[in-house]
N, C-alpha and C. Protein backbone atom coordinates (compact mmCIF):
# COMPACT_ATOMS: atom_id res chain seq x y z
N UNK A 1 76.30 60.77 86.82
CA UNK A 1 76.81 61.51 85.68
C UNK A 1 75.71 61.69 84.63
N UNK A 2 75.80 62.76 83.89
CA UNK A 2 74.85 62.97 82.80
C UNK A 2 75.34 62.29 81.53
N UNK A 3 74.45 62.19 80.56
CA UNK A 3 74.82 61.61 79.27
C UNK A 3 76.00 62.37 78.66
N UNK A 4 75.97 63.68 78.73
CA UNK A 4 77.06 64.47 78.14
C UNK A 4 78.38 64.23 78.85
N UNK A 5 78.36 64.17 80.17
CA UNK A 5 79.60 63.92 80.91
C UNK A 5 80.20 62.56 80.56
N UNK A 6 79.36 61.57 80.45
CA UNK A 6 79.84 60.24 80.10
C UNK A 6 80.36 60.20 78.67
N UNK A 7 79.62 60.82 77.78
CA UNK A 7 80.03 60.85 76.38
C UNK A 7 81.34 61.60 76.20
N UNK A 8 81.49 62.72 76.91
CA UNK A 8 82.72 63.51 76.81
C UNK A 8 83.94 62.71 77.28
N UNK A 9 83.77 61.94 78.33
CA UNK A 9 84.89 61.14 78.81
C UNK A 9 85.37 60.15 77.75
N UNK A 10 84.42 59.45 77.14
CA UNK A 10 84.79 58.47 76.12
C UNK A 10 85.41 59.16 74.91
N UNK A 11 84.80 60.27 74.51
CA UNK A 11 85.30 60.98 73.33
C UNK A 11 86.72 61.52 73.55
N UNK A 12 86.96 62.15 74.69
CA UNK A 12 88.26 62.76 74.94
C UNK A 12 89.34 61.72 75.19
N UNK A 13 89.00 60.68 75.93
CA UNK A 13 90.02 59.67 76.27
C UNK A 13 90.47 58.89 75.04
N UNK A 14 89.59 58.73 74.05
CA UNK A 14 89.94 57.96 72.86
C UNK A 14 90.16 58.84 71.63
N UNK A 15 89.94 60.15 71.78
CA UNK A 15 90.15 61.06 70.66
C UNK A 15 89.16 60.87 69.53
N UNK A 16 87.91 60.59 69.85
CA UNK A 16 86.90 60.40 68.82
C UNK A 16 86.45 61.74 68.24
N UNK A 17 85.98 61.71 67.01
CA UNK A 17 85.60 62.92 66.30
C UNK A 17 84.15 63.33 66.60
N UNK A 18 83.92 64.64 66.55
CA UNK A 18 82.57 65.15 66.75
C UNK A 18 82.17 66.15 65.67
N UNK A 19 82.89 66.14 64.54
CA UNK A 19 82.59 67.07 63.45
C UNK A 19 82.23 66.28 62.20
N UNK A 20 81.31 66.87 61.40
CA UNK A 20 80.91 66.23 60.15
C UNK A 20 82.10 66.22 59.18
N UNK A 21 82.27 65.20 58.34
CA UNK A 21 81.42 64.01 58.23
C UNK A 21 81.93 62.84 59.07
N UNK A 22 82.72 63.12 60.11
CA UNK A 22 83.31 62.06 60.94
C UNK A 22 82.78 62.09 62.37
N UNK A 23 81.52 62.47 62.51
CA UNK A 23 80.92 62.56 63.84
C UNK A 23 80.71 61.16 64.41
N UNK A 24 81.37 60.87 65.51
CA UNK A 24 81.28 59.56 66.14
C UNK A 24 80.50 59.60 67.46
N UNK A 25 79.88 60.75 67.75
CA UNK A 25 79.16 60.88 69.01
C UNK A 25 77.87 60.05 69.04
N UNK A 26 77.27 59.83 67.85
CA UNK A 26 76.07 58.98 67.81
C UNK A 26 76.43 57.56 68.23
N UNK A 27 77.61 57.09 67.83
CA UNK A 27 78.06 55.77 68.23
C UNK A 27 78.24 55.71 69.74
N UNK A 28 78.78 56.79 70.33
CA UNK A 28 78.98 56.82 71.78
C UNK A 28 77.64 56.71 72.49
N UNK A 29 76.62 57.42 71.99
CA UNK A 29 75.29 57.35 72.60
C UNK A 29 74.75 55.93 72.56
N UNK A 30 74.96 55.24 71.44
CA UNK A 30 74.52 53.85 71.33
C UNK A 30 75.24 52.97 72.34
N UNK A 31 76.54 53.19 72.51
CA UNK A 31 77.32 52.38 73.44
C UNK A 31 76.90 52.63 74.88
N UNK A 32 76.55 53.86 75.21
CA UNK A 32 76.09 54.16 76.57
C UNK A 32 74.78 53.42 76.86
N UNK A 33 73.91 53.36 75.87
CA UNK A 33 72.65 52.64 76.06
C UNK A 33 72.89 51.14 76.20
N UNK A 34 73.75 50.60 75.33
CA UNK A 34 74.09 49.18 75.43
C UNK A 34 74.74 48.86 76.77
N UNK A 35 75.61 49.76 77.23
CA UNK A 35 76.27 49.55 78.51
C UNK A 35 75.30 49.59 79.68
N UNK A 36 74.32 50.47 79.59
CA UNK A 36 73.31 50.56 80.65
C UNK A 36 72.51 49.25 80.73
N UNK A 37 72.10 48.74 79.58
CA UNK A 37 71.35 47.47 79.56
C UNK A 37 72.21 46.33 80.06
N UNK A 38 73.46 46.28 79.62
CA UNK A 38 74.36 45.20 80.04
C UNK A 38 74.59 45.23 81.54
N UNK A 39 74.80 46.42 82.09
CA UNK A 39 75.02 46.55 83.53
C UNK A 39 73.80 46.09 84.32
N UNK A 40 72.63 46.52 83.90
CA UNK A 40 71.40 46.14 84.60
C UNK A 40 71.18 44.63 84.52
N UNK A 41 71.33 44.06 83.33
CA UNK A 41 71.05 42.64 83.14
C UNK A 41 72.03 41.75 83.89
N UNK A 42 73.29 42.16 83.96
CA UNK A 42 74.32 41.29 84.52
C UNK A 42 74.53 41.49 86.03
N UNK A 43 74.12 42.63 86.57
CA UNK A 43 74.28 42.84 88.00
C UNK A 43 72.94 42.87 88.74
N UNK A 44 71.83 43.15 88.01
CA UNK A 44 70.50 43.26 88.62
C UNK A 44 70.54 44.24 89.79
N UNK A 45 71.22 45.35 89.57
CA UNK A 45 71.39 46.33 90.64
C UNK A 45 70.13 47.16 90.87
N UNK A 46 69.17 47.12 89.94
CA UNK A 46 67.90 47.85 90.11
C UNK A 46 66.77 46.93 89.68
N UNK A 47 65.78 46.72 90.57
CA UNK A 47 64.62 45.90 90.23
C UNK A 47 63.35 46.67 90.54
N UNK A 48 62.28 46.29 89.87
CA UNK A 48 60.98 46.90 90.07
C UNK A 48 59.92 45.81 90.21
N UNK A 49 58.86 46.10 90.95
CA UNK A 49 57.76 45.17 91.09
C UNK A 49 56.77 45.39 89.95
N UNK A 50 56.54 44.35 89.15
CA UNK A 50 55.62 44.43 88.02
C UNK A 50 54.40 43.57 88.29
N UNK A 51 53.25 44.04 87.85
CA UNK A 51 52.00 43.32 88.02
C UNK A 51 51.61 42.70 86.68
N UNK A 52 51.64 41.40 86.59
CA UNK A 52 51.34 40.69 85.35
C UNK A 52 49.97 40.05 85.42
N UNK A 53 49.14 40.32 84.43
CA UNK A 53 47.80 39.75 84.39
C UNK A 53 47.84 38.31 83.90
N UNK A 54 47.12 37.43 84.59
CA UNK A 54 47.05 36.02 84.20
C UNK A 54 45.62 35.64 83.84
N UNK A 55 45.49 34.54 83.06
CA UNK A 55 44.19 34.10 82.55
C UNK A 55 43.91 32.70 83.06
N UNK A 56 42.68 32.44 83.40
CA UNK A 56 42.29 31.12 83.93
C UNK A 56 42.65 30.00 82.97
N UNK A 57 43.23 28.93 83.52
CA UNK A 57 43.56 27.70 82.79
C UNK A 57 44.65 27.87 81.74
N UNK A 58 45.37 28.98 81.78
CA UNK A 58 46.49 29.19 80.86
C UNK A 58 47.77 29.16 81.68
N UNK A 59 48.70 28.29 81.31
CA UNK A 59 49.90 28.10 82.12
C UNK A 59 51.14 28.79 81.58
N UNK A 60 51.20 29.10 80.27
CA UNK A 60 52.41 29.67 79.68
C UNK A 60 52.14 31.06 79.12
N UNK A 61 53.09 31.98 79.38
CA UNK A 61 52.95 33.37 78.97
C UNK A 61 54.27 33.89 78.42
N UNK A 62 54.18 34.77 77.43
CA UNK A 62 55.35 35.45 76.92
C UNK A 62 55.62 36.68 77.76
N UNK A 63 56.84 36.83 78.25
CA UNK A 63 57.20 38.01 79.02
C UNK A 63 57.32 39.21 78.09
N UNK A 64 56.92 40.35 78.58
CA UNK A 64 57.01 41.58 77.81
C UNK A 64 58.48 41.93 77.53
N UNK A 65 58.72 42.56 76.37
CA UNK A 65 60.08 42.93 75.97
C UNK A 65 60.72 43.90 76.95
N UNK A 66 59.90 44.59 77.72
CA UNK A 66 60.44 45.56 78.67
C UNK A 66 61.11 44.90 79.88
N UNK A 67 60.91 43.59 80.04
CA UNK A 67 61.52 42.86 81.16
C UNK A 67 62.83 42.23 80.70
N UNK A 68 63.94 42.67 81.30
CA UNK A 68 65.24 42.12 80.97
C UNK A 68 65.50 40.81 81.70
N UNK A 69 65.07 40.71 82.95
CA UNK A 69 65.32 39.51 83.74
C UNK A 69 64.36 39.47 84.91
N UNK A 70 64.02 38.25 85.34
CA UNK A 70 63.21 38.05 86.54
C UNK A 70 64.12 37.75 87.71
N UNK A 71 63.78 38.33 88.86
CA UNK A 71 64.57 38.10 90.07
C UNK A 71 63.75 37.31 91.09
N UNK A 72 62.54 37.77 91.38
CA UNK A 72 61.65 37.10 92.35
C UNK A 72 60.24 37.08 91.80
N UNK A 73 59.44 36.12 92.27
CA UNK A 73 58.04 36.01 91.87
C UNK A 73 57.19 35.74 93.09
N UNK A 74 55.99 36.34 93.14
CA UNK A 74 55.05 36.03 94.21
C UNK A 74 53.64 36.11 93.67
N UNK A 75 52.74 35.33 94.29
CA UNK A 75 51.35 35.31 93.83
C UNK A 75 50.40 35.88 94.87
N UNK A 76 50.94 36.43 95.95
CA UNK A 76 50.10 37.02 96.99
C UNK A 76 49.68 36.02 98.04
N UNK A 77 49.79 34.73 97.76
CA UNK A 77 49.36 33.70 98.71
C UNK A 77 50.53 33.01 99.39
N UNK A 78 51.76 33.34 98.92
CA UNK A 78 52.93 32.71 99.50
C UNK A 78 54.04 33.73 99.62
N UNK A 79 55.01 33.45 100.46
CA UNK A 79 56.13 34.35 100.63
C UNK A 79 56.91 34.47 99.34
N UNK A 80 57.46 35.67 99.09
CA UNK A 80 58.27 35.89 97.91
C UNK A 80 59.48 34.97 97.95
N UNK A 81 59.77 34.34 96.80
CA UNK A 81 60.82 33.33 96.75
C UNK A 81 61.78 33.63 95.62
N UNK A 82 63.06 33.38 95.82
CA UNK A 82 64.03 33.55 94.76
C UNK A 82 63.73 32.56 93.64
N UNK A 83 63.88 33.02 92.38
CA UNK A 83 63.55 32.18 91.24
C UNK A 83 64.41 30.92 91.19
N UNK A 84 65.69 31.04 91.62
CA UNK A 84 66.58 29.90 91.48
C UNK A 84 66.40 28.85 92.57
N UNK A 85 65.53 29.12 93.56
CA UNK A 85 65.29 28.11 94.60
C UNK A 85 63.79 27.86 94.79
N UNK A 86 63.01 28.08 93.74
CA UNK A 86 61.57 27.88 93.86
C UNK A 86 61.23 26.39 93.98
N UNK A 87 60.23 26.07 94.76
CA UNK A 87 59.81 24.67 94.87
C UNK A 87 59.18 24.19 93.57
N UNK A 88 59.08 22.86 93.42
CA UNK A 88 58.48 22.30 92.21
C UNK A 88 57.01 22.66 92.14
N UNK A 89 56.46 22.61 90.92
CA UNK A 89 55.04 22.87 90.69
C UNK A 89 54.63 24.27 91.14
N UNK A 90 55.50 25.25 90.91
CA UNK A 90 55.14 26.62 91.22
C UNK A 90 55.31 27.49 90.00
N UNK A 91 56.50 28.03 89.76
CA UNK A 91 56.78 28.86 88.61
C UNK A 91 58.06 28.39 87.93
N UNK A 92 58.08 28.42 86.61
CA UNK A 92 59.26 28.04 85.85
C UNK A 92 59.50 29.06 84.74
N UNK A 93 60.73 29.51 84.59
CA UNK A 93 61.09 30.39 83.49
C UNK A 93 61.70 29.54 82.39
N UNK A 94 61.02 29.47 81.25
CA UNK A 94 61.48 28.67 80.12
C UNK A 94 62.27 29.58 79.18
N UNK A 95 63.53 29.23 78.97
CA UNK A 95 64.41 30.09 78.20
C UNK A 95 64.41 31.48 78.82
N UNK A 96 64.34 32.55 77.99
CA UNK A 96 64.47 33.89 78.54
C UNK A 96 63.15 34.64 78.60
N UNK A 97 62.13 34.18 77.87
CA UNK A 97 60.94 35.02 77.75
C UNK A 97 59.62 34.28 77.89
N UNK A 98 59.62 33.05 78.34
CA UNK A 98 58.38 32.31 78.53
C UNK A 98 58.27 31.91 79.99
N UNK A 99 57.17 32.32 80.62
CA UNK A 99 56.93 32.00 82.02
C UNK A 99 55.84 30.94 82.11
N UNK A 100 56.11 29.85 82.83
CA UNK A 100 55.12 28.79 83.02
C UNK A 100 54.67 28.77 84.48
N UNK A 101 53.37 28.75 84.67
CA UNK A 101 52.78 28.65 86.01
C UNK A 101 52.33 27.22 86.23
N UNK A 102 52.75 26.63 87.35
CA UNK A 102 52.43 25.24 87.66
C UNK A 102 51.81 25.15 89.06
N UNK A 103 50.51 24.85 89.16
CA UNK A 103 49.57 24.60 88.06
C UNK A 103 49.06 25.89 87.44
N UNK A 104 48.32 25.79 86.35
CA UNK A 104 47.73 26.97 85.71
C UNK A 104 46.73 27.61 86.67
N UNK A 105 46.59 28.94 86.64
CA UNK A 105 45.65 29.61 87.55
C UNK A 105 44.21 29.15 87.29
N UNK A 106 43.45 29.01 88.34
CA UNK A 106 42.06 28.56 88.22
C UNK A 106 41.13 29.67 87.77
N UNK A 107 41.56 30.92 87.93
CA UNK A 107 40.74 32.06 87.51
C UNK A 107 41.65 33.20 87.09
N UNK A 108 41.07 34.18 86.40
CA UNK A 108 41.85 35.36 86.01
C UNK A 108 42.38 36.04 87.26
N UNK A 109 43.59 36.55 87.17
CA UNK A 109 44.17 37.20 88.34
C UNK A 109 45.40 38.00 88.01
N UNK A 110 46.26 38.16 88.99
CA UNK A 110 47.44 39.01 88.85
C UNK A 110 48.63 38.33 89.54
N UNK A 111 49.77 38.40 88.88
CA UNK A 111 51.00 37.84 89.41
C UNK A 111 52.02 38.96 89.57
N UNK A 112 52.60 39.06 90.75
CA UNK A 112 53.62 40.08 90.99
C UNK A 112 55.00 39.48 90.80
N UNK A 113 55.84 40.16 90.02
CA UNK A 113 57.21 39.71 89.82
C UNK A 113 58.16 40.86 90.09
N UNK A 114 59.31 40.54 90.63
CA UNK A 114 60.39 41.51 90.78
C UNK A 114 61.31 41.31 89.60
N UNK A 115 61.48 42.37 88.81
CA UNK A 115 62.16 42.23 87.53
C UNK A 115 63.12 43.38 87.28
N UNK A 116 64.09 43.09 86.42
CA UNK A 116 64.98 44.13 85.90
C UNK A 116 64.32 44.67 84.63
N UNK A 117 64.03 45.95 84.61
CA UNK A 117 63.28 46.55 83.51
C UNK A 117 64.21 47.20 82.48
N UNK A 118 63.82 47.10 81.22
CA UNK A 118 64.59 47.73 80.15
C UNK A 118 64.42 49.25 80.23
N UNK A 119 65.52 50.01 80.31
CA UNK A 119 65.40 51.46 80.42
C UNK A 119 65.14 52.12 79.07
N UNK A 120 64.71 53.35 79.09
CA UNK A 120 64.62 54.14 77.87
C UNK A 120 66.00 54.66 77.50
N UNK A 121 66.16 55.02 76.26
CA UNK A 121 67.43 55.55 75.77
C UNK A 121 67.58 57.03 76.15
N UNK A 122 68.73 57.41 76.64
CA UNK A 122 68.99 58.82 76.95
C UNK A 122 69.14 59.60 75.64
N UNK A 123 68.50 60.77 75.57
CA UNK A 123 68.57 61.59 74.36
C UNK A 123 69.13 62.98 74.64
N UNK A 124 68.73 63.60 75.73
CA UNK A 124 69.19 64.94 76.06
C UNK A 124 70.51 64.89 76.81
N UNK A 125 71.30 65.95 76.69
CA UNK A 125 72.60 66.00 77.36
C UNK A 125 72.47 65.85 78.87
N UNK A 126 71.37 66.39 79.43
CA UNK A 126 71.19 66.37 80.89
C UNK A 126 70.61 65.06 81.41
N UNK A 127 70.20 64.15 80.50
CA UNK A 127 69.68 62.86 80.94
C UNK A 127 70.77 62.08 81.67
N UNK A 128 70.35 61.24 82.60
CA UNK A 128 71.31 60.47 83.39
C UNK A 128 70.79 59.06 83.63
N UNK A 129 71.67 58.04 83.63
CA UNK A 129 71.22 56.69 83.98
C UNK A 129 70.73 56.59 85.41
N UNK A 130 70.94 57.65 86.20
CA UNK A 130 70.40 57.67 87.55
C UNK A 130 68.93 58.04 87.59
N UNK A 131 68.39 58.59 86.48
CA UNK A 131 66.98 58.94 86.41
C UNK A 131 66.14 57.68 86.26
N UNK A 132 64.93 57.70 86.79
CA UNK A 132 64.07 56.52 86.78
C UNK A 132 63.84 55.99 85.36
N UNK A 133 63.57 56.87 84.40
CA UNK A 133 63.29 56.43 83.04
C UNK A 133 64.47 55.75 82.37
N UNK A 134 65.67 56.12 82.81
CA UNK A 134 66.87 55.66 82.11
C UNK A 134 67.65 54.61 82.91
N UNK A 135 67.01 54.00 83.89
CA UNK A 135 67.61 52.88 84.60
C UNK A 135 67.63 52.99 86.10
N UNK A 136 67.59 54.23 86.64
CA UNK A 136 67.65 54.46 88.09
C UNK A 136 68.90 53.84 88.71
N UNK A 137 69.98 53.80 87.96
CA UNK A 137 71.23 53.20 88.44
C UNK A 137 71.91 54.16 89.40
N UNK A 138 72.32 53.70 90.58
CA UNK A 138 73.00 54.57 91.54
C UNK A 138 74.23 55.25 90.92
N UNK A 139 74.48 56.47 91.34
CA UNK A 139 75.58 57.26 90.76
C UNK A 139 76.92 56.55 90.86
N UNK A 140 77.12 55.79 91.94
CA UNK A 140 78.42 55.16 92.15
C UNK A 140 78.70 54.03 91.17
N UNK A 141 77.70 53.64 90.36
CA UNK A 141 77.91 52.59 89.37
C UNK A 141 78.04 53.14 87.95
N UNK A 142 77.92 54.44 87.76
CA UNK A 142 77.94 55.00 86.42
C UNK A 142 79.28 54.81 85.72
N UNK A 143 80.35 54.72 86.52
CA UNK A 143 81.67 54.52 85.91
C UNK A 143 81.72 53.23 85.11
N UNK A 144 80.95 52.22 85.49
CA UNK A 144 80.94 50.96 84.77
C UNK A 144 80.39 51.14 83.36
N UNK A 145 79.39 52.00 83.20
CA UNK A 145 78.83 52.26 81.88
C UNK A 145 79.87 52.94 80.99
N UNK A 146 80.62 53.88 81.57
CA UNK A 146 81.68 54.55 80.82
C UNK A 146 82.74 53.53 80.40
N UNK A 147 83.12 52.65 81.31
CA UNK A 147 84.14 51.65 81.00
C UNK A 147 83.66 50.72 79.89
N UNK A 148 82.38 50.35 79.91
CA UNK A 148 81.82 49.54 78.81
C UNK A 148 81.96 50.30 77.50
N UNK A 149 81.60 51.59 77.51
CA UNK A 149 81.70 52.39 76.30
C UNK A 149 83.13 52.49 75.80
N UNK A 150 84.08 52.66 76.72
CA UNK A 150 85.49 52.72 76.34
C UNK A 150 85.95 51.40 75.72
N UNK A 151 85.51 50.30 76.28
CA UNK A 151 85.86 48.98 75.75
C UNK A 151 85.41 48.85 74.30
N UNK A 152 84.13 49.09 74.04
CA UNK A 152 83.59 48.90 72.70
C UNK A 152 84.13 49.94 71.71
N UNK A 153 84.27 51.19 72.16
CA UNK A 153 84.77 52.23 71.27
C UNK A 153 86.25 52.02 70.95
N UNK A 154 87.03 51.57 71.93
CA UNK A 154 88.45 51.31 71.68
C UNK A 154 88.63 50.15 70.71
N UNK A 155 87.77 49.16 70.80
CA UNK A 155 87.82 48.06 69.84
C UNK A 155 87.48 48.56 68.44
N UNK A 156 86.50 49.45 68.35
CA UNK A 156 86.09 50.03 67.06
C UNK A 156 87.22 50.84 66.43
N UNK A 157 87.96 51.59 67.25
CA UNK A 157 89.01 52.49 66.72
C UNK A 157 90.37 51.82 66.66
N UNK A 158 90.47 50.54 67.02
CA UNK A 158 91.76 49.84 67.05
C UNK A 158 92.77 50.60 67.92
N UNK A 159 92.31 50.99 69.10
CA UNK A 159 93.15 51.76 70.02
C UNK A 159 94.28 50.87 70.55
N UNK A 160 95.50 51.17 70.14
CA UNK A 160 96.64 50.34 70.50
C UNK A 160 97.01 50.47 71.97
N UNK A 161 96.77 51.62 72.55
CA UNK A 161 97.15 51.83 73.96
C UNK A 161 96.39 50.89 74.89
N UNK A 162 95.18 50.54 74.52
CA UNK A 162 94.37 49.66 75.37
C UNK A 162 94.28 48.25 74.82
N UNK A 163 95.13 47.92 73.85
CA UNK A 163 95.05 46.58 73.26
C UNK A 163 93.75 46.36 72.55
N UNK A 164 93.34 47.36 71.75
CA UNK A 164 92.06 47.30 71.03
C UNK A 164 90.88 47.11 71.98
N UNK A 165 90.97 47.74 73.13
CA UNK A 165 89.86 47.70 74.09
C UNK A 165 89.96 46.61 75.13
N UNK A 166 90.95 45.73 75.01
CA UNK A 166 91.05 44.60 75.95
C UNK A 166 91.27 45.07 77.39
N UNK A 167 92.05 46.13 77.55
CA UNK A 167 92.29 46.65 78.90
C UNK A 167 90.99 47.09 79.55
N UNK A 168 90.14 47.79 78.80
CA UNK A 168 88.87 48.26 79.35
C UNK A 168 87.91 47.09 79.58
N UNK A 169 87.96 46.10 78.69
CA UNK A 169 87.09 44.93 78.88
C UNK A 169 87.43 44.24 80.20
N UNK A 170 88.72 44.08 80.47
CA UNK A 170 89.14 43.43 81.71
C UNK A 170 88.71 44.23 82.92
N UNK A 171 88.83 45.55 82.84
CA UNK A 171 88.38 46.39 83.94
C UNK A 171 86.88 46.24 84.16
N UNK A 172 86.14 46.07 83.07
CA UNK A 172 84.68 46.01 83.16
C UNK A 172 84.18 44.66 83.67
N UNK A 173 84.64 43.56 83.03
CA UNK A 173 84.07 42.25 83.36
C UNK A 173 85.10 41.24 83.85
N UNK A 174 86.35 41.63 84.01
CA UNK A 174 87.36 40.69 84.45
C UNK A 174 87.92 39.88 83.29
N UNK A 175 89.03 39.23 83.52
CA UNK A 175 89.69 38.47 82.46
C UNK A 175 88.80 37.36 81.91
N UNK A 176 88.05 36.71 82.81
CA UNK A 176 87.22 35.58 82.38
C UNK A 176 85.75 35.94 82.22
N UNK A 177 85.42 37.24 82.28
CA UNK A 177 84.03 37.66 82.13
C UNK A 177 83.21 37.56 83.39
N UNK A 178 83.83 37.17 84.52
CA UNK A 178 83.08 37.00 85.77
C UNK A 178 83.63 37.84 86.91
N UNK A 179 84.45 38.82 86.60
CA UNK A 179 85.05 39.65 87.65
C UNK A 179 84.93 41.12 87.33
N UNK A 180 86.03 41.85 87.55
CA UNK A 180 86.05 43.27 87.21
C UNK A 180 85.05 44.10 87.98
N UNK A 181 84.69 45.22 87.38
CA UNK A 181 83.75 46.14 88.02
C UNK A 181 82.38 45.51 88.21
N UNK A 182 81.95 44.66 87.28
CA UNK A 182 80.65 44.01 87.42
C UNK A 182 80.59 43.18 88.69
N UNK A 183 81.64 42.44 88.98
CA UNK A 183 81.66 41.63 90.18
C UNK A 183 81.64 42.49 91.43
N UNK A 184 82.35 43.60 91.41
CA UNK A 184 82.33 44.52 92.56
C UNK A 184 80.92 45.04 92.80
N UNK A 185 80.21 45.37 91.73
CA UNK A 185 78.85 45.90 91.87
C UNK A 185 77.92 44.81 92.38
N UNK A 186 78.06 43.59 91.88
CA UNK A 186 77.23 42.49 92.39
C UNK A 186 77.41 42.31 93.89
N UNK A 187 78.63 42.38 94.34
CA UNK A 187 78.90 42.22 95.77
C UNK A 187 78.27 43.35 96.57
N UNK A 188 78.35 44.58 96.07
CA UNK A 188 77.73 45.71 96.76
C UNK A 188 76.22 45.57 96.80
N UNK A 189 75.63 45.11 95.70
CA UNK A 189 74.18 44.93 95.64
C UNK A 189 73.74 43.87 96.65
N UNK A 190 74.48 42.78 96.75
CA UNK A 190 74.12 41.71 97.68
C UNK A 190 74.18 42.16 99.13
N UNK A 191 75.03 43.14 99.42
CA UNK A 191 75.17 43.62 100.80
C UNK A 191 74.08 44.60 101.19
N UNK A 192 73.39 45.14 100.22
CA UNK A 192 72.42 46.20 100.51
C UNK A 192 71.10 45.67 101.06
N UNK A 193 70.81 44.40 100.85
CA UNK A 193 69.52 43.89 101.28
C UNK A 193 68.44 44.28 100.29
N UNK A 194 67.18 44.20 100.72
CA UNK A 194 66.07 44.49 99.82
C UNK A 194 65.24 45.64 100.37
N UNK A 195 64.74 46.44 99.45
CA UNK A 195 63.82 47.54 99.79
C UNK A 195 62.79 47.63 98.70
N UNK A 196 61.54 47.86 99.06
CA UNK A 196 60.48 47.87 98.07
C UNK A 196 60.63 49.07 97.15
N UNK A 197 60.58 48.81 95.85
CA UNK A 197 60.74 49.86 94.85
C UNK A 197 59.40 50.20 94.23
N UNK A 198 59.42 51.15 93.31
CA UNK A 198 58.20 51.58 92.65
C UNK A 198 57.60 50.44 91.84
N UNK A 199 56.25 50.40 91.76
CA UNK A 199 55.56 49.36 91.02
C UNK A 199 55.50 49.70 89.54
N UNK A 200 55.43 48.67 88.71
CA UNK A 200 55.21 48.83 87.28
C UNK A 200 54.14 47.83 86.87
N UNK A 201 53.34 48.16 85.87
CA UNK A 201 52.33 47.24 85.37
C UNK A 201 52.69 46.83 83.95
N UNK A 202 52.85 45.53 83.74
CA UNK A 202 53.22 44.99 82.43
C UNK A 202 52.28 43.85 82.10
N UNK A 203 51.68 43.86 80.91
CA UNK A 203 50.75 42.81 80.52
C UNK A 203 51.49 41.62 79.92
N UNK A 204 51.06 40.42 80.28
CA UNK A 204 51.60 39.20 79.70
C UNK A 204 50.81 38.83 78.46
N UNK A 205 51.48 38.25 77.48
CA UNK A 205 50.81 37.69 76.32
C UNK A 205 50.78 36.18 76.46
N UNK A 206 49.73 35.57 75.95
CA UNK A 206 49.65 34.12 76.00
C UNK A 206 50.74 33.54 75.13
N UNK A 207 51.33 32.44 75.59
CA UNK A 207 52.40 31.79 74.82
C UNK A 207 51.82 31.03 73.64
N UNK A 208 52.68 30.75 72.66
CA UNK A 208 52.28 29.89 71.57
C UNK A 208 52.27 28.44 72.07
N UNK A 209 51.95 27.52 71.17
CA UNK A 209 51.97 26.13 71.58
C UNK A 209 53.36 25.75 72.04
N UNK A 210 53.41 24.83 72.95
CA UNK A 210 54.67 24.48 73.62
C UNK A 210 55.75 24.09 72.62
N UNK A 211 55.39 23.40 71.56
CA UNK A 211 56.37 22.93 70.61
C UNK A 211 57.16 24.05 69.94
N UNK A 212 56.57 25.23 69.88
CA UNK A 212 57.25 26.36 69.25
C UNK A 212 58.40 26.86 70.11
N UNK A 213 58.24 26.68 71.44
CA UNK A 213 59.20 27.29 72.36
C UNK A 213 60.15 26.28 72.99
N UNK A 214 59.73 25.07 73.13
CA UNK A 214 60.55 24.10 73.85
C UNK A 214 60.88 22.93 72.92
N UNK A 215 62.18 22.66 72.78
CA UNK A 215 62.58 21.58 71.91
C UNK A 215 62.49 20.23 72.61
């Protein structure tokens, strides 16, 4: 779906205004972007291979803001491994944005990571979350972004028919936040297997002293 098609659905279903001074379409655009990020981060339905530069004898790095989540890491000398089952003394993700290499690299080099990338915001009516710049999300998952937008917009408008958005929230993430459409998409993603995607190059920044980041 295009940005306009998604926006029109939310606007018409909830009766939102599109005329000055009550134009609510800018809010819809914001919700579509938030929904795209939320879908990507929580389902990891699209990943890209990023090349991160490393520095000799430095073990901690700040992840670039463009990386929403790490899925897999490899250094070229070992098989790609899932982050949640990595062996000790290899790689550790500290909190959400600090990557620790154990041991520190002996020389300058490059680390490949499979990551969920932050998409750009859709601006034109013809833009689509299926486009590479805007998330590359498969068309069959676009309904989840609309449902997210309906949830947040219905809460904003105190829509009584949906229980102030609760009905849409349940459809999107389930009653307990672990089901709904998101769970269906996770299951579909897990069944698809892996295929190599386009590469991205992202520079790492050196981390601050450990005490700043780890309590």
